[in-house]
Amino acid sequence: MLMMRMAYKENLVILPAASATLHGDDSKEMLPHFAEIGFCLIDTPKIEAATSIEEISGDTVSMGGTGELTVSQIITMMNHLPVDITFVDENDEVRYFSNPKDRFFTRSPAIIGRKVQNCHPSDSVDVVNKIVEAFKNRTKDDAKFWIRMKGKVIMINYYALRDKNGAYKGTIEVSQDITEIQQLEGEQRLLDWEG
């Protein structure tokens, strides 16, 4: 019954509004964003891969005296870390998210450029605002949460990013599955791929 009501509303409200609003290639640009979330009542359509930045630029980036990496190397590293990373700039706009193989929270490229407050459920916006304001006015530099989700314990850390003068430059969210970490005991100082 719920699915029928949703389909009815989509056909009666959303599709006519979208038809009046979207033009040209808008729907073609939107389709890859839907693929990230998934399709409920239809088979996944064939979607053309978006051009990635590593195809556009192979320039070397200086890492502030600690080395140099190509854009492709940076992207590969960020996507292989066992964490979800999201960067929000000083204007509260989402600018980046990593794309690890085992993602905890659904992210779509549609969030890029969106206000971070519009990327969270309404019941958590007050907490988001409280964290961002504390980071901006320099009363806090981090916030930590952990939740149980799908049989895992997920640690969610927020860190204030500041330039060398201490000016607020944004927030980075780092989420990690800590289930196995919580179960560690003693030490393991030698390589043990069989254990």
N, C-alpha and C. Protein backbone atom coordinates (compact mmCIF):
# COMPACT_ATOMS: atom_id res chain seq x y z
N MET A 1 0.82 -1.20 0.00
CA MET A 1 0.00 0.00 0.00
C MET A 1 0.86 1.26 0.00
N LEU A 2 1.90 1.26 0.85
CA LEU A 2 2.79 2.41 0.93
C LEU A 2 3.45 2.67 -0.42
N MET A 3 3.91 1.61 -1.08
CA MET A 3 4.57 1.76 -2.38
C MET A 3 3.60 2.32 -3.41
N MET A 4 2.34 1.91 -3.35
CA MET A 4 1.35 2.42 -4.30
C MET A 4 1.13 3.91 -4.08
N ARG A 5 1.08 4.34 -2.80
CA ARG A 5 0.90 5.77 -2.51
C ARG A 5 2.09 6.58 -2.98
N MET A 6 3.30 6.03 -2.79
CA MET A 6 4.50 6.74 -3.24
C MET A 6 4.49 6.88 -4.76
N ALA A 7 4.18 5.79 -5.46
CA ALA A 7 4.15 5.83 -6.92
C ALA A 7 3.07 6.81 -7.40
N TYR A 8 1.93 6.83 -6.72
CA TYR A 8 0.85 7.76 -7.06
C TYR A 8 1.32 9.21 -6.92
N LYS A 9 1.98 9.52 -5.80
CA LYS A 9 2.47 10.89 -5.57
C LYS A 9 3.54 11.27 -6.58
N GLU A 10 4.40 10.31 -6.90
CA GLU A 10 5.44 10.60 -7.90
C GLU A 10 4.80 10.94 -9.24
N ASN A 11 3.81 10.14 -9.64
CA ASN A 11 3.17 10.38 -10.94
C ASN A 11 2.31 11.63 -10.95
N LEU A 12 1.66 11.93 -9.82
CA LEU A 12 0.74 13.06 -9.76
C LEU A 12 1.44 14.39 -9.47
N VAL A 13 2.51 14.36 -8.66
CA VAL A 13 3.14 15.60 -8.21
C VAL A 13 4.56 15.77 -8.74
N ILE A 14 5.42 14.80 -8.45
CA ILE A 14 6.84 14.97 -8.74
C ILE A 14 7.13 15.00 -10.24
N LEU A 15 6.62 14.03 -10.99
CA LEU A 15 6.92 13.99 -12.42
C LEU A 15 6.41 15.22 -13.18
N PRO A 16 5.17 15.69 -12.93
CA PRO A 16 4.75 16.93 -13.62
C PRO A 16 5.60 18.14 -13.23
N ALA A 17 5.96 18.24 -11.95
CA ALA A 17 6.81 19.37 -11.51
C ALA A 17 8.19 19.28 -12.15
N ALA A 18 8.75 18.07 -12.20
CA ALA A 18 10.06 17.89 -12.82
C ALA A 18 10.01 18.19 -14.31
N SER A 19 8.95 17.76 -14.98
CA SER A 19 8.82 18.02 -16.41
C SER A 19 8.76 19.51 -16.71
N ALA A 20 8.14 20.28 -15.82
CA ALA A 20 8.04 21.72 -16.02
C ALA A 20 9.33 22.45 -15.66
N THR A 21 10.15 21.82 -14.82
CA THR A 21 11.34 22.49 -14.30
C THR A 21 12.62 22.09 -15.01
N LEU A 22 12.77 20.80 -15.32
CA LEU A 22 14.01 20.30 -15.91
C LEU A 22 14.05 20.58 -17.40
N HIS A 23 15.24 20.86 -17.88
CA HIS A 23 15.42 21.18 -19.29
C HIS A 23 16.64 20.46 -19.84
N GLY A 24 16.63 20.19 -21.13
CA GLY A 24 17.81 19.67 -21.83
C GLY A 24 18.42 18.45 -21.17
N ASP A 25 19.68 18.59 -20.79
CA ASP A 25 20.44 17.47 -20.24
C ASP A 25 20.32 17.33 -18.72
N ASP A 26 19.39 18.07 -18.10
CA ASP A 26 19.26 18.00 -16.64
C ASP A 26 19.05 16.57 -16.15
N SER A 27 18.12 15.86 -16.79
CA SER A 27 17.83 14.51 -16.32
C SER A 27 19.01 13.57 -16.56
N LYS A 28 19.75 13.81 -17.65
CA LYS A 28 20.94 13.00 -17.93
C LYS A 28 22.00 13.22 -16.86
N GLU A 29 22.12 14.45 -16.36
CA GLU A 29 23.08 14.76 -15.30
C GLU A 29 22.63 14.17 -13.97
N MET A 30 21.32 14.06 -13.76
CA MET A 30 20.80 13.57 -12.48
C MET A 30 20.90 12.05 -12.34
N LEU A 31 20.82 11.32 -13.43
CA LEU A 31 20.75 9.86 -13.38
C LEU A 31 21.90 9.22 -12.60
N PRO A 32 23.16 9.64 -12.79
CA PRO A 32 24.24 9.01 -12.00
C PRO A 32 24.07 9.22 -10.49
N HIS A 33 23.43 10.32 -10.09
CA HIS A 33 23.21 10.57 -8.66
C HIS A 33 22.23 9.54 -8.08
N PHE A 34 21.23 9.17 -8.86
CA PHE A 34 20.26 8.18 -8.40
C PHE A 34 20.91 6.81 -8.25
N ALA A 35 21.89 6.51 -9.10
CA ALA A 35 22.55 5.21 -9.05
C ALA A 35 23.23 4.98 -7.71
N GLU A 36 23.73 6.04 -7.10
CA GLU A 36 24.39 5.93 -5.79
C GLU A 36 23.40 5.47 -4.72
N ILE A 37 22.16 5.94 -4.81
CA ILE A 37 21.14 5.63 -3.82
C ILE A 37 20.48 4.29 -4.11
N GLY A 38 20.27 4.00 -5.39
CA GLY A 38 19.65 2.75 -5.79
C GLY A 38 18.23 2.96 -6.30
N PHE A 39 17.72 1.94 -6.99
CA PHE A 39 16.40 2.01 -7.59
C PHE A 39 15.50 0.97 -6.92
N CYS A 40 14.29 1.38 -6.62
CA CYS A 40 13.39 0.53 -5.85
C CYS A 40 12.53 -0.36 -6.73
N LEU A 41 11.80 0.23 -7.63
CA LEU A 41 10.78 -0.52 -8.36
C LEU A 41 11.16 -0.83 -9.81
N ILE A 42 12.35 -0.41 -10.22
CA ILE A 42 12.77 -0.67 -11.60
C ILE A 42 14.18 -1.26 -11.59
N ASP A 43 14.53 -1.92 -12.69
CA ASP A 43 15.89 -2.41 -12.84
C ASP A 43 16.82 -1.21 -13.02
N THR A 44 18.04 -1.34 -12.56
CA THR A 44 19.01 -0.25 -12.69
C THR A 44 19.28 0.01 -14.17
N PRO A 45 19.02 1.24 -14.63
CA PRO A 45 19.27 1.55 -16.03
C PRO A 45 20.76 1.67 -16.31
N LYS A 46 21.13 1.58 -17.59
CA LYS A 46 22.53 1.77 -17.97
C LYS A 46 22.87 3.24 -17.81
N ILE A 47 23.95 3.50 -17.10
CA ILE A 47 24.33 4.88 -16.81
C ILE A 47 25.75 5.11 -17.30
N GLU A 48 25.94 6.18 -18.06
CA GLU A 48 27.27 6.53 -18.53
C GLU A 48 28.11 7.01 -17.35
N ALA A 49 29.35 6.54 -17.30
CA ALA A 49 30.25 6.97 -16.22
C ALA A 49 30.60 8.44 -16.39
N ALA A 50 30.61 9.15 -15.27
CA ALA A 50 31.00 10.56 -15.29
C ALA A 50 32.50 10.65 -15.49
N THR A 51 32.93 11.74 -16.10
CA THR A 51 34.35 11.97 -16.27
C THR A 51 34.95 12.28 -14.91
N SER A 52 36.00 11.58 -14.55
CA SER A 52 36.61 11.82 -13.24
C SER A 52 37.78 12.78 -13.37
N ILE A 53 38.12 13.41 -12.26
CA ILE A 53 39.16 14.43 -12.29
C ILE A 53 40.51 13.86 -12.70
N GLU A 54 40.78 12.59 -12.40
CA GLU A 54 42.08 12.05 -12.77
C GLU A 54 42.22 11.93 -14.29
N GLU A 55 41.11 11.90 -15.01
CA GLU A 55 41.18 11.88 -16.46
C GLU A 55 41.44 13.28 -17.01
N ILE A 56 41.12 14.28 -16.23
CA ILE A 56 41.28 15.66 -16.67
C ILE A 56 42.66 16.19 -16.34
N SER A 57 43.18 15.84 -15.16
CA SER A 57 44.44 16.42 -14.72
C SER A 57 45.32 15.37 -14.09
N GLY A 58 46.57 15.34 -14.52
CA GLY A 58 47.55 14.47 -13.90
C GLY A 58 48.62 15.29 -13.21
N ASP A 59 48.31 16.56 -12.93
CA ASP A 59 49.27 17.48 -12.33
C ASP A 59 49.73 17.00 -10.97
N THR A 60 50.96 17.35 -10.64
CA THR A 60 51.51 17.03 -9.33
C THR A 60 51.12 18.12 -8.35
N VAL A 61 50.73 17.70 -7.15
CA VAL A 61 50.34 18.64 -6.10
C VAL A 61 51.40 18.58 -5.01
N SER A 62 51.93 19.74 -4.64
CA SER A 62 52.87 19.80 -3.53
C SER A 62 52.08 19.68 -2.23
N MET A 63 52.55 18.82 -1.34
CA MET A 63 51.82 18.55 -0.10
C MET A 63 52.43 19.30 1.08
N GLY A 64 52.81 20.55 0.86
CA GLY A 64 53.30 21.39 1.95
C GLY A 64 54.60 20.93 2.56
N GLY A 65 55.52 20.45 1.74
CA GLY A 65 56.83 20.06 2.23
C GLY A 65 56.94 18.61 2.66
N THR A 66 55.84 17.86 2.63
CA THR A 66 55.90 16.45 3.03
C THR A 66 55.89 15.51 1.84
N GLY A 67 55.93 16.05 0.63
CA GLY A 67 55.97 15.23 -0.57
C GLY A 67 55.12 15.80 -1.68
N GLU A 68 55.06 15.06 -2.77
CA GLU A 68 54.25 15.45 -3.92
C GLU A 68 53.44 14.25 -4.38
N LEU A 69 52.21 14.51 -4.77
CA LEU A 69 51.33 13.46 -5.26
C LEU A 69 50.61 13.96 -6.50
N THR A 70 50.26 13.04 -7.39
CA THR A 70 49.41 13.42 -8.51
C THR A 70 47.96 13.43 -8.02
N VAL A 71 47.11 14.09 -8.77
CA VAL A 71 45.69 14.11 -8.42
C VAL A 71 45.15 12.68 -8.37
N SER A 72 45.57 11.87 -9.32
CA SER A 72 45.13 10.47 -9.35
C SER A 72 45.56 9.72 -8.09
N GLN A 73 46.79 9.97 -7.62
CA GLN A 73 47.26 9.31 -6.41
C GLN A 73 46.45 9.75 -5.18
N ILE A 74 46.13 11.03 -5.12
CA ILE A 74 45.34 11.54 -3.99
C ILE A 74 43.96 10.89 -3.97
N ILE A 75 43.31 10.85 -5.13
CA ILE A 75 41.98 10.25 -5.21
C ILE A 75 42.02 8.77 -4.83
N THR A 76 43.02 8.06 -5.35
CA THR A 76 43.15 6.63 -5.04
C THR A 76 43.36 6.41 -3.55
N MET A 77 44.25 7.22 -2.94
CA MET A 77 44.48 7.10 -1.49
C MET A 77 43.21 7.35 -0.70
N MET A 78 42.52 8.44 -1.01
CA MET A 78 41.32 8.81 -0.25
C MET A 78 40.25 7.73 -0.35
N ASN A 79 40.14 7.10 -1.52
CA ASN A 79 39.10 6.09 -1.71
C ASN A 79 39.49 4.71 -1.18
N HIS A 80 40.75 4.53 -0.79
CA HIS A 80 41.18 3.25 -0.23
C HIS A 80 41.32 3.28 1.29
N LEU A 81 41.24 4.45 1.89
CA LEU A 81 41.26 4.52 3.35
C LEU A 81 40.00 3.85 3.90
N PRO A 82 40.09 3.13 5.01
CA PRO A 82 38.91 2.42 5.54
C PRO A 82 37.98 3.34 6.33
N VAL A 83 37.74 4.53 5.79
CA VAL A 83 36.89 5.53 6.43
C VAL A 83 36.08 6.26 5.35
N ASP A 84 34.93 6.80 5.76
CA ASP A 84 34.18 7.74 4.92
C ASP A 84 34.65 9.13 5.30
N ILE A 85 34.99 9.96 4.32
CA ILE A 85 35.43 11.32 4.59
C ILE A 85 34.54 12.28 3.82
N THR A 86 34.05 13.32 4.51
CA THR A 86 33.28 14.38 3.87
C THR A 86 33.86 15.71 4.33
N PHE A 87 34.08 16.61 3.37
CA PHE A 87 34.62 17.94 3.68
C PHE A 87 33.56 19.00 3.42
N VAL A 88 33.34 19.86 4.42
CA VAL A 88 32.41 20.99 4.32
C VAL A 88 33.24 22.25 4.49
N ASP A 89 33.11 23.21 3.57
CA ASP A 89 33.96 24.41 3.63
C ASP A 89 33.47 25.42 4.66
N GLU A 90 34.16 26.55 4.75
CA GLU A 90 33.84 27.57 5.76
C GLU A 90 32.49 28.23 5.54
N ASN A 91 31.88 28.03 4.36
CA ASN A 91 30.55 28.57 4.07
C ASN A 91 29.45 27.52 4.28
N ASP A 92 29.79 26.43 4.95
CA ASP A 92 28.86 25.33 5.26
C ASP A 92 28.42 24.56 4.02
N GLU A 93 29.21 24.61 2.94
CA GLU A 93 28.85 23.90 1.72
C GLU A 93 29.70 22.64 1.58
N VAL A 94 29.04 21.53 1.24
CA VAL A 94 29.76 20.27 1.03
C VAL A 94 30.60 20.41 -0.24
N ARG A 95 31.90 20.13 -0.12
CA ARG A 95 32.82 20.27 -1.24
C ARG A 95 33.41 18.96 -1.72
N TYR A 96 33.38 17.93 -0.86
CA TYR A 96 34.04 16.68 -1.23
C TYR A 96 33.53 15.54 -0.35
N PHE A 97 33.47 14.35 -0.92
CA PHE A 97 33.33 13.14 -0.11
C PHE A 97 34.13 12.03 -0.77
N SER A 98 34.70 11.17 0.05
CA SER A 98 35.46 10.04 -0.48
C SER A 98 34.49 8.96 -0.94
N ASN A 99 35.02 8.00 -1.66
CA ASN A 99 34.17 6.95 -2.20
C ASN A 99 34.76 5.58 -1.89
N PRO A 100 34.82 5.22 -0.59
CA PRO A 100 35.40 3.92 -0.23
C PRO A 100 34.52 2.77 -0.69
N LYS A 101 35.13 1.61 -0.77
CA LYS A 101 34.40 0.43 -1.25
C LYS A 101 33.27 0.03 -0.31
N ASP A 102 33.46 0.17 0.98
CA ASP A 102 32.42 -0.18 1.96
C ASP A 102 31.92 1.09 2.65
N ARG A 103 31.01 1.78 2.00
CA ARG A 103 30.49 3.05 2.51
C ARG A 103 29.43 2.78 3.59
N PHE A 104 29.42 3.63 4.63
CA PHE A 104 28.43 3.50 5.71
C PHE A 104 27.19 4.31 5.40
N PHE A 105 27.40 5.52 4.92
CA PHE A 105 26.29 6.44 4.68
C PHE A 105 26.22 6.74 3.18
N THR A 106 25.01 6.71 2.65
CA THR A 106 24.83 6.99 1.23
C THR A 106 25.21 8.42 0.93
N ARG A 107 26.00 8.60 -0.12
CA ARG A 107 26.37 9.93 -0.59
C ARG A 107 26.14 9.96 -2.09
N SER A 108 25.62 11.05 -2.57
CA SER A 108 25.42 11.25 -4.00
C SER A 108 26.16 12.52 -4.40
N PRO A 109 26.71 12.57 -5.61
CA PRO A 109 27.35 13.81 -6.06
C PRO A 109 26.43 15.02 -6.01
N ALA A 110 25.13 14.80 -5.89
CA ALA A 110 24.18 15.92 -5.81
C ALA A 110 24.38 16.75 -4.54
N ILE A 111 25.07 16.21 -3.52
CA ILE A 111 25.28 17.00 -2.30
C ILE A 111 26.40 18.02 -2.46
N ILE A 112 27.23 17.89 -3.47
CA ILE A 112 28.33 18.83 -3.68
C ILE A 112 27.75 20.22 -3.94
N GLY A 113 28.20 21.19 -3.15
CA GLY A 113 27.70 22.56 -3.26
C GLY A 113 26.48 22.84 -2.41
N ARG A 114 25.91 21.80 -1.83
CA ARG A 114 24.71 21.96 -1.00
C ARG A 114 25.11 22.36 0.42
N LYS A 115 24.28 23.13 1.08
CA LYS A 115 24.52 23.46 2.49
C LYS A 115 24.46 22.18 3.32
N VAL A 116 25.40 22.04 4.24
CA VAL A 116 25.47 20.83 5.05
C VAL A 116 24.18 20.61 5.84
N GLN A 117 23.52 21.69 6.21
CA GLN A 117 22.27 21.57 6.97
C GLN A 117 21.19 20.87 6.14
N ASN A 118 21.29 20.96 4.81
CA ASN A 118 20.31 20.33 3.93
C ASN A 118 20.67 18.89 3.58
N CYS A 119 21.74 18.38 4.18
CA CYS A 119 22.19 17.01 3.91
C CYS A 119 21.95 16.08 5.09
N HIS A 120 21.28 16.58 6.11
CA HIS A 120 21.02 15.79 7.32
C HIS A 120 19.52 15.76 7.59
N PRO A 121 19.06 14.73 8.30
CA PRO A 121 17.65 14.68 8.69
C PRO A 121 17.30 15.90 9.54
N SER A 122 16.07 16.37 9.44
CA SER A 122 15.67 17.60 10.13
C SER A 122 15.87 17.51 11.64
N ASP A 123 15.75 16.31 12.22
CA ASP A 123 15.91 16.20 13.67
C ASP A 123 17.37 16.29 14.13
N SER A 124 18.33 16.32 13.19
CA SER A 124 19.74 16.45 13.59
C SER A 124 20.35 17.78 13.15
N VAL A 125 19.59 18.64 12.49
CA VAL A 125 20.12 19.92 12.01
C VAL A 125 20.59 20.80 13.16
N ASP A 126 19.87 20.79 14.28
CA ASP A 126 20.30 21.59 15.44
C ASP A 126 21.68 21.17 15.92
N VAL A 127 21.95 19.87 15.93
CA VAL A 127 23.26 19.36 16.35
C VAL A 127 24.33 19.78 15.35
N VAL A 128 24.02 19.66 14.06
CA VAL A 128 24.96 20.09 13.01
C VAL A 128 25.31 21.56 13.21
N ASN A 129 24.30 22.40 13.39
CA ASN A 129 24.54 23.83 13.58
C ASN A 129 25.36 24.10 14.83
N LYS A 130 25.09 23.37 15.90
CA LYS A 130 25.82 23.55 17.15
C LYS A 130 27.31 23.23 16.95
N ILE A 131 27.59 22.14 16.25
CA ILE A 131 28.99 21.75 15.99
C ILE A 131 29.68 22.80 15.14
N VAL A 132 29.05 23.19 14.02
CA VAL A 132 29.66 24.16 13.11
C VAL A 132 29.91 25.49 13.81
N GLU A 133 28.94 25.96 14.58
CA GLU A 133 29.11 27.23 15.30
C GLU A 133 30.24 27.15 16.32
N ALA A 134 30.33 26.04 17.04
CA ALA A 134 31.42 25.87 18.01
C ALA A 134 32.78 25.85 17.32
N PHE A 135 32.84 25.25 16.14
CA PHE A 135 34.09 25.25 15.37
C PHE A 135 34.42 26.66 14.89
N LYS A 136 33.41 27.36 14.39
CA LYS A 136 33.64 28.71 13.86
C LYS A 136 34.07 29.69 14.95
N ASN A 137 33.46 29.60 16.13
CA ASN A 137 33.82 30.55 17.18
C ASN A 137 34.96 30.03 18.07
N ARG A 138 35.57 28.92 17.67
CA ARG A 138 36.79 28.37 18.27
C ARG A 138 36.61 27.87 19.70
N THR A 139 35.38 27.53 20.09
CA THR A 139 35.20 26.97 21.43
C THR A 139 35.45 25.46 21.45
N LYS A 140 35.37 24.82 20.27
CA LYS A 140 35.63 23.38 20.15
C LYS A 140 36.39 23.12 18.86
N ASP A 141 37.14 22.00 18.85
CA ASP A 141 37.89 21.60 17.66
C ASP A 141 37.46 20.23 17.14
N ASP A 142 36.67 19.50 17.92
CA ASP A 142 36.21 18.20 17.44
C ASP A 142 34.92 17.80 18.16
N ALA A 143 34.24 16.86 17.55
CA ALA A 143 33.02 16.28 18.14
C ALA A 143 33.01 14.80 17.76
N LYS A 144 32.61 13.95 18.69
CA LYS A 144 32.64 12.51 18.47
C LYS A 144 31.28 11.88 18.80
N PHE A 145 30.89 10.95 17.94
CA PHE A 145 29.66 10.18 18.15
C PHE A 145 29.96 8.74 17.76
N TRP A 146 29.22 7.81 18.30
CA TRP A 146 29.28 6.44 17.81
C TRP A 146 27.88 5.87 17.85
N ILE A 147 27.60 5.09 16.82
CA ILE A 147 26.26 4.52 16.67
C ILE A 147 26.38 3.04 16.31
N ARG A 148 25.31 2.31 16.56
CA ARG A 148 25.23 0.91 16.12
C ARG A 148 24.33 0.88 14.89
N MET A 149 24.87 0.27 13.83
CA MET A 149 24.15 0.27 12.56
C MET A 149 24.49 -1.01 11.80
N LYS A 150 23.47 -1.77 11.45
CA LYS A 150 23.64 -3.00 10.67
C LYS A 150 24.67 -3.94 11.29
N GLY A 151 24.62 -4.09 12.61
CA GLY A 151 25.52 -5.01 13.30
C GLY A 151 26.93 -4.49 13.49
N LYS A 152 27.17 -3.23 13.17
CA LYS A 152 28.50 -2.64 13.31
C LYS A 152 28.45 -1.46 14.26
N VAL A 153 29.61 -1.11 14.80
CA VAL A 153 29.73 0.10 15.60
C VAL A 153 30.48 1.11 14.73
N ILE A 154 29.83 2.23 14.44
CA ILE A 154 30.41 3.26 13.58
C ILE A 154 30.79 4.47 14.43
N MET A 155 32.05 4.87 14.35
CA MET A 155 32.54 6.07 15.03
C MET A 155 32.50 7.21 14.03
N ILE A 156 31.89 8.32 14.42
CA ILE A 156 31.77 9.49 13.56
C ILE A 156 32.48 10.64 14.26
N ASN A 157 33.56 11.13 13.64
CA ASN A 157 34.34 12.23 14.18
C ASN A 157 34.21 13.45 13.29
N TYR A 158 34.05 14.60 13.90
CA TYR A 158 34.04 15.88 13.18
C TYR A 158 35.24 16.68 13.68
N TYR A 159 36.01 17.24 12.74
CA TYR A 159 37.18 18.02 13.09
C TYR A 159 37.10 19.40 12.43
N ALA A 160 37.40 20.43 13.22
CA ALA A 160 37.50 21.78 12.66
C ALA A 160 38.81 21.88 11.90
N LEU A 161 38.76 22.43 10.70
CA LEU A 161 39.97 22.67 9.91
C LEU A 161 40.30 24.15 10.00
N ARG A 162 41.55 24.44 10.30
CA ARG A 162 41.99 25.83 10.44
C ARG A 162 43.26 26.05 9.64
N ASP A 163 43.43 27.26 9.12
CA ASP A 163 44.67 27.57 8.42
C ASP A 163 45.76 27.87 9.44
N LYS A 164 46.96 28.23 8.95
CA LYS A 164 48.08 28.43 9.87
C LYS A 164 47.87 29.59 10.83
N ASN A 165 46.92 30.49 10.51
CA ASN A 165 46.60 31.61 11.40
C ASN A 165 45.44 31.29 12.34
N GLY A 166 44.91 30.09 12.25
CA GLY A 166 43.81 29.68 13.12
C GLY A 166 42.43 30.01 12.59
N ALA A 167 42.35 30.58 11.37
CA ALA A 167 41.05 30.91 10.79
C ALA A 167 40.33 29.62 10.37
N TYR A 168 39.04 29.57 10.66
CA TYR A 168 38.22 28.40 10.34
C TYR A 168 38.11 28.24 8.82
N LYS A 169 38.42 27.04 8.32
CA LYS A 169 38.37 26.76 6.89
C LYS A 169 37.40 25.64 6.54
N GLY A 170 36.73 25.11 7.54
CA GLY A 170 35.75 24.07 7.25
C GLY A 170 35.77 22.96 8.28
N THR A 171 34.98 21.94 7.98
CA THR A 171 34.83 20.78 8.85
C THR A 171 35.06 19.52 8.04
N ILE A 172 35.74 18.58 8.63
CA ILE A 172 35.89 17.28 7.99
C ILE A 172 35.19 16.24 8.87
N GLU A 173 34.36 15.42 8.24
CA GLU A 173 33.67 14.32 8.93
C GLU A 173 34.38 13.04 8.55
N VAL A 174 34.78 12.26 9.53
CA VAL A 174 35.46 10.99 9.29
C VAL A 174 34.68 9.90 10.03
N SER A 175 34.13 8.96 9.28
CA SER A 175 33.36 7.86 9.87
C SER A 175 34.11 6.55 9.65
N GLN A 176 34.15 5.72 10.69
CA GLN A 176 34.92 4.48 10.62
C GLN A 176 34.20 3.36 11.35
N ASP A 177 34.25 2.16 10.77
CA ASP A 177 33.74 0.96 11.43
C ASP A 177 34.76 0.56 12.49
N ILE A 178 34.38 0.66 13.76
CA ILE A 178 35.32 0.34 14.85
C ILE A 178 34.96 -0.99 15.53
N THR A 179 34.10 -1.78 14.92
CA THR A 179 33.67 -3.04 15.51
C THR A 179 34.86 -3.93 15.86
N GLU A 180 35.76 -4.17 14.90
CA GLU A 180 36.92 -5.02 15.14
C GLU A 180 37.90 -4.36 16.10
N ILE A 181 38.05 -3.06 16.02
CA ILE A 181 38.97 -2.34 16.90
C ILE A 181 38.54 -2.52 18.35
N GLN A 182 37.24 -2.46 18.61
CA GLN A 182 36.74 -2.63 19.98
C GLN A 182 37.04 -4.02 20.55
N GLN A 183 37.23 -4.99 19.67
CA GLN A 183 37.44 -6.36 20.12
C GLN A 183 38.92 -6.71 20.31
N LEU A 184 39.83 -5.79 19.99
CA LEU A 184 41.26 -6.07 20.11
C LEU A 184 41.67 -6.23 21.56
N GLU A 185 42.57 -7.18 21.79
CA GLU A 185 43.14 -7.39 23.13
C GLU A 185 44.64 -7.64 22.96
N GLY A 186 45.40 -7.29 23.97
CA GLY A 186 46.83 -7.55 23.94
C GLY A 186 47.52 -6.80 22.82
N GLU A 187 48.50 -7.47 22.18
CA GLU A 187 49.26 -6.86 21.09
C GLU A 187 49.40 -7.84 19.94
N GLN A 188 49.63 -7.32 18.75
CA GLN A 188 50.06 -8.13 17.62
C GLN A 188 51.18 -7.36 16.96
N ARG A 189 52.40 -7.79 17.20
CA ARG A 189 53.57 -7.06 16.73
C ARG A 189 54.19 -7.70 15.50
N LEU A 190 53.72 -8.88 15.12
CA LEU A 190 54.26 -9.58 13.96
C LEU A 190 53.15 -9.76 12.93
N LEU A 191 53.56 -9.85 11.68
CA LEU A 191 52.61 -10.08 10.59
C LEU A 191 51.96 -11.45 10.76
N ASP A 192 50.63 -11.48 10.68
CA ASP A 192 49.90 -12.73 10.83
C ASP A 192 48.71 -12.72 9.89
N TRP A 193 48.93 -13.08 8.64
CA TRP A 193 47.85 -13.08 7.66
C TRP A 193 46.95 -14.31 7.80
N GLU A 194 47.41 -15.34 8.49
CA GLU A 194 46.60 -16.54 8.67
C GLU A 194 45.66 -16.41 9.85
N GLY A 195 45.98 -15.55 10.82
CA GLY A 195 45.21 -15.45 12.06
C GLY A 195 44.02 -14.65 11.90
